[in-house]
Protein backbone atom coordinates (compact mmCIF):
# COMPACT_ATOMS: atom_id res chain seq x y z
CA UNK A 1 -6.28 -11.63 -7.17
CA UNK A 2 -9.53 -12.71 -5.59
CA UNK A 3 -12.45 -10.54 -5.07
CA UNK A 4 -11.95 -10.00 -1.49
CA UNK A 5 -8.39 -8.55 -2.33
CA UNK A 6 -9.88 -5.81 -4.32
CA UNK A 7 -8.92 -2.23 -3.62
CA UNK A 8 -12.03 0.20 -3.38
CA UNK A 9 -11.64 3.81 -3.34
CA UNK A 10 -14.43 5.42 -1.32
CA UNK A 11 -15.12 9.26 -1.73
CA UNK A 12 -17.67 10.54 0.93
CA UNK A 13 -17.41 13.85 2.83
CA UNK A 14 -19.75 12.78 5.58
CA UNK A 15 -17.35 11.30 8.08
CA UNK A 16 -19.84 8.90 9.91
CA UNK A 17 -21.14 7.42 6.64
CA UNK A 18 -17.57 7.08 5.20
CA UNK A 19 -16.48 5.24 8.57
CA UNK A 20 -19.47 3.03 8.27
CA UNK A 21 -18.96 2.00 4.65
CA UNK A 22 -15.14 1.54 5.24
CA UNK A 23 -15.45 -0.81 8.23
CA UNK A 24 -18.07 -2.94 6.63
CA UNK A 25 -15.94 -3.29 3.38
CA UNK A 26 -12.84 -3.98 5.38
CA UNK A 27 -14.07 -6.53 7.61
CA UNK A 28 -14.95 -8.53 4.45
CA UNK A 29 -11.42 -8.30 3.11
CA UNK A 30 -11.56 -5.29 0.93
CA UNK A 31 -8.80 -2.81 0.84
CA UNK A 32 -10.43 0.78 1.25
CA UNK A 33 -8.84 3.87 0.27
CA UNK A 34 -10.69 6.93 1.66
CA UNK A 35 -11.36 10.62 0.31
CA UNK A 36 -13.30 13.35 1.79
CA UNK A 37 -13.61 15.42 -1.43
CA UNK A 38 -13.26 15.03 -5.22
CA UNK A 39 -9.83 16.29 -5.50
CA UNK A 40 -8.73 13.73 -2.83
CA UNK A 41 -10.48 11.08 -4.88
CA UNK A 42 -8.77 12.07 -8.15
CA UNK A 43 -5.26 12.04 -6.61
CA UNK A 44 -5.91 8.50 -4.97
CA UNK A 45 -7.35 7.23 -8.39
CA UNK A 46 -4.35 8.19 -10.24
CA UNK A 47 -1.81 7.04 -7.68
CA UNK A 48 -3.32 4.02 -6.32
CA UNK A 49 -5.21 2.28 -9.42
CA UNK A 50 -8.08 1.05 -7.28
CA UNK A 51 -10.38 -1.67 -8.86
CA UNK A 52 -13.79 0.18 -8.02
CA UNK A 53 -14.91 3.64 -7.02
CA UNK A 54 -17.69 4.57 -4.65
CA UNK A 55 -18.41 8.16 -5.19
CA UNK A 56 -20.84 10.50 -3.30
CA UNK A 57 -22.21 13.12 -5.63
CA UNK A 58 -22.41 15.99 -3.14
CA UNK A 59 -18.72 16.45 -2.21
CA UNK A 60 -16.54 19.66 -1.80
CA UNK A 61 -13.62 20.70 -4.03
CA UNK A 62 -15.16 18.60 -7.15
CA UNK A 63 -18.39 16.79 -6.87
CA UNK A 64 -18.76 13.11 -7.50
CA UNK A 65 -20.42 13.55 -11.23
CA UNK A 66 -17.26 15.50 -12.31
CA UNK A 67 -14.96 12.93 -10.81
CA UNK A 68 -17.06 10.18 -12.66
CA UNK A 69 -16.64 12.15 -15.76
CA UNK A 70 -12.91 12.59 -15.65
CA UNK A 71 -12.22 9.09 -14.61
CA UNK A 72 -14.56 7.78 -17.36
CA UNK A 73 -12.62 9.71 -19.94
CA UNK A 74 -9.49 7.53 -19.21
CA UNK A 75 -10.64 4.33 -17.61
CA UNK A 76 -13.31 1.84 -17.53
CA UNK A 77 -12.80 1.02 -13.94
CA UNK A 78 -16.40 0.51 -12.38
CA UNK A 79 -17.89 3.38 -10.53
CA UNK A 80 -20.93 3.27 -8.10
CA UNK A 81 -22.42 6.58 -7.26
CA UNK A 82 -24.03 7.39 -3.86
CA UNK A 83 -26.55 10.30 -3.37
CA UNK A 84 -29.35 11.61 -1.45
CA UNK A 85 -31.16 12.59 -4.76
CA UNK A 86 -33.80 9.96 -5.74
CA UNK A 87 -35.24 11.74 -9.09
CA UNK A 88 -34.86 9.55 -12.07
CA UNK A 89 -33.22 12.70 -13.98
CA UNK A 90 -30.56 12.44 -11.48
CA UNK A 91 -29.85 8.68 -11.92
CA UNK A 92 -30.00 9.11 -15.74
CA UNK A 93 -27.23 11.87 -15.40
CA UNK A 94 -24.94 9.76 -13.37
CA UNK A 95 -25.38 6.76 -15.74
CA UNK A 96 -24.92 9.22 -18.75
CA UNK A 97 -21.48 10.25 -17.32
CA UNK A 98 -20.35 6.67 -17.07
CA UNK A 99 -21.49 5.45 -13.35
CA UNK A 100 -22.09 1.67 -13.69
CA UNK A 101 -24.44 1.74 -10.65
CA UNK A 102 -26.32 4.03 -8.35
CA UNK A 103 -27.52 3.96 -4.69
CA UNK A 104 -29.91 6.32 -3.19
CA UNK A 105 -29.22 7.15 0.49
CA UNK A 106 -30.14 5.87 3.03
CA UNK A 107 -29.23 2.36 1.84
CA UNK A 108 -28.56 -0.81 3.64
CA UNK A 109 -24.93 -2.21 3.93
CA UNK A 110 -26.16 -5.64 2.39
CA UNK A 111 -27.47 -3.70 -0.56
CA UNK A 112 -24.16 -1.87 -1.03
CA UNK A 113 -22.30 -5.15 -0.75
CA UNK A 114 -24.55 -6.87 -3.16
CA UNK A 115 -24.01 -3.91 -5.54
CA UNK A 116 -20.24 -4.00 -5.05
CA UNK A 117 -20.00 -7.87 -5.65
CA UNK A 118 -22.14 -7.44 -8.71
CA UNK A 119 -20.00 -4.93 -10.28
CA UNK A 120 -16.77 -6.56 -9.48
CA UNK A 121 -18.14 -9.79 -10.71
CA UNK A 122 -18.81 -8.08 -14.16
CA UNK A 123 -15.47 -6.67 -14.39
CA UNK A 124 -13.82 -10.21 -13.75
CA UNK A 125 -15.38 -11.51 -16.41
CA UNK A 126 -17.39 -14.29 -14.54
CA UNK A 127 -20.13 -14.31 -16.94
CA UNK A 128 -19.94 -16.69 -19.92
CA UNK A 129 -20.60 -15.33 -23.32
CA UNK A 130 -23.71 -16.74 -24.65
CA UNK A 131 -22.34 -17.37 -28.27
CA UNK A 132 -19.26 -16.99 -30.28
CA UNK A 133 -18.39 -16.07 -33.90
CA UNK A 134 -18.87 -13.18 -36.22
CA UNK A 135 -22.39 -11.70 -37.00
CA UNK A 136 -22.95 -9.51 -39.93
CA UNK A 137 -26.01 -7.24 -40.48
CA UNK A 138 -25.35 -5.25 -43.53
CA UNK A 139 -22.62 -2.81 -42.59
CA UNK A 140 -22.77 -3.80 -38.97
CA UNK A 141 -20.29 -6.49 -37.84
CA UNK A 142 -20.00 -8.11 -34.46
CA UNK A 143 -17.25 -10.45 -33.37
CA UNK A 144 -18.67 -11.92 -30.32
CA UNK A 145 -15.54 -13.93 -29.10
CA UNK A 146 -13.14 -10.99 -29.85
CA UNK A 147 -15.59 -8.51 -28.22
CA UNK A 148 -14.96 -6.25 -31.43
CA UNK A 149 -17.56 -4.22 -33.28
CA UNK A 150 -17.31 -2.70 -36.65
CA UNK A 151 -19.51 -0.47 -38.46
CA UNK A 152 -18.92 0.43 -42.17
CA UNK A 153 -15.42 -1.31 -41.87
CA UNK A 154 -14.40 1.04 -38.90
CA UNK A 155 -14.09 -0.16 -35.35
CA UNK A 156 -16.67 1.04 -32.84
CA UNK A 157 -15.57 1.43 -29.19
CA UNK A 158 -17.99 0.05 -26.77
CA UNK A 159 -17.94 -0.14 -23.00
CA UNK A 160 -18.12 -3.78 -21.47
CA UNK A 161 -21.56 -3.21 -20.39
CA UNK A 162 -22.62 -1.73 -23.78
CA UNK A 163 -21.05 -4.86 -25.53
CA UNK A 164 -22.72 -7.20 -23.22
CA UNK A 165 -26.16 -5.69 -23.83
CA UNK A 166 -25.45 -5.68 -27.59
CA UNK A 167 -24.36 -9.41 -27.24
CA UNK A 168 -27.52 -10.37 -25.56
CA UNK A 169 -29.66 -8.77 -28.06
CA UNK A 170 -27.70 -9.94 -31.19
CA UNK A 171 -27.65 -13.50 -30.00
CA UNK A 172 -31.48 -13.53 -29.45
CA UNK A 173 -32.04 -11.53 -32.58
CA UNK A 174 -35.89 -10.87 -33.43
CA UNK A 175 -37.07 -11.92 -29.95
CA UNK A 176 -38.03 -9.58 -27.27
CA UNK A 177 -36.03 -9.70 -24.22
CA UNK A 178 -37.72 -8.07 -21.18
CA UNK A 179 -36.19 -5.56 -18.92
CA UNK A 180 -35.74 -7.95 -16.13
CA UNK A 181 -34.01 -10.65 -18.12
CA UNK A 182 -31.48 -8.05 -19.47
CA UNK A 183 -30.73 -6.57 -16.21
CA UNK A 184 -30.33 -9.81 -14.52
CA UNK A 185 -28.12 -11.19 -17.25
CA UNK A 186 -25.95 -8.34 -17.43
CA UNK A 187 -25.78 -6.54 -14.12
CA UNK A 188 -26.55 -9.57 -12.15
CA UNK A 189 -29.27 -11.33 -10.17
CA UNK A 190 -29.66 -8.53 -7.54
CA UNK A 191 -31.08 -6.34 -10.26
CA UNK A 192 -34.63 -6.32 -12.09
CA UNK A 193 -36.36 -2.95 -11.60
CA UNK A 194 -33.67 -0.46 -12.98
CA UNK A 195 -35.31 0.06 -16.31
CA UNK A 196 -33.44 3.63 -16.39
CA UNK A 197 -30.08 1.81 -16.63
CA UNK A 198 -31.34 0.13 -19.89
CA UNK A 199 -32.60 3.18 -21.50
CA UNK A 200 -29.24 5.20 -20.95
CA UNK A 201 -27.30 2.19 -22.40
CA UNK A 202 -29.58 1.41 -25.39
CA UNK A 203 -29.30 5.17 -26.12
CA UNK A 204 -25.59 4.98 -26.21
CA UNK A 205 -25.72 2.02 -28.50
CA UNK A 206 -28.15 3.90 -30.87
CA UNK A 207 -25.90 6.92 -30.90
CA UNK A 208 -22.94 4.73 -32.03
CA UNK A 209 -24.62 2.03 -34.25
CA UNK A 210 -27.68 3.65 -35.81
CA UNK A 211 -27.39 5.87 -38.67
CA UNK A 212 -30.45 7.82 -37.27
CA UNK A 213 -30.66 7.18 -33.52
CA UNK A 214 -34.23 8.91 -33.28
CA UNK A 215 -35.48 6.23 -35.78
CA UNK A 216 -33.54 3.07 -34.92
CA UNK A 217 -33.22 0.03 -37.48
CA UNK A 218 -31.51 -2.39 -35.41
CA UNK A 219 -32.36 -1.70 -31.60
CA UNK A 220 -35.99 -1.45 -31.12
CA UNK A 221 -38.07 -0.63 -27.96
CA UNK A 222 -40.90 -2.84 -27.15
CA UNK A 223 -42.96 -0.30 -24.70
CA UNK A 224 -43.29 -1.63 -21.28
CA UNK A 225 -41.73 -4.89 -22.15
CA UNK A 226 -38.32 -4.73 -23.17
CA UNK A 227 -35.96 -4.54 -26.34
CA UNK A 228 -35.47 -6.27 -29.59
CA UNK A 229 -32.62 -6.67 -32.20
CA UNK A 230 -33.74 -6.67 -35.72
CA UNK A 231 -31.43 -8.54 -37.91
CA UNK A 232 -31.20 -6.51 -41.16
CA UNK A 233 -29.22 -7.84 -44.05
CA UNK A 234 -28.04 -10.88 -42.00
CA UNK A 235 -25.33 -12.81 -43.37
């Protein structure tokens, strides 16, 4: 299936905005499923299997964050959240619940389309893995080709973005990778200033891979610059 044949679920209770977004997506070849509240969105997601969800946060009968959380418990389908809230804490809350991207109203249609293309591009696996093989760092084992991570011999479940972020850091172990470089390599060339995305995902990786996430050994922050992977006990 080509990118333009993708099915998008749009959940937005503001009729004029929903019509505007739908019209612009359809004219570019996307199939659009429309919901005016969270319960409708859940029903469409369960019945129609869309390739991407665009969710407004402030919706009746179940808000977008609740929909995001429920969907993410069962699926890795990409999710873009729309909201009028611009506080960083709101962005982080959406990302913490599993959103892949975040747009603040008002936004331009080209900005939305760029984010849609970027999210779908990532899920189509168009990015080429920078390396292959198995890396071992003490009790941590990372199979880059197989996208498998093991800690103390047990499998660790990572989302596609979490694995891509770890992959970038591991293949450049010992080197600091800037925020902008990580964002553009993982999210796409449209990104560069969304440092809160990285903070959320680095925190997730630390919770899953570090014995003491508050005092990480592998995933280190270089304040104001980026992140660095420390190759402890490398084999």
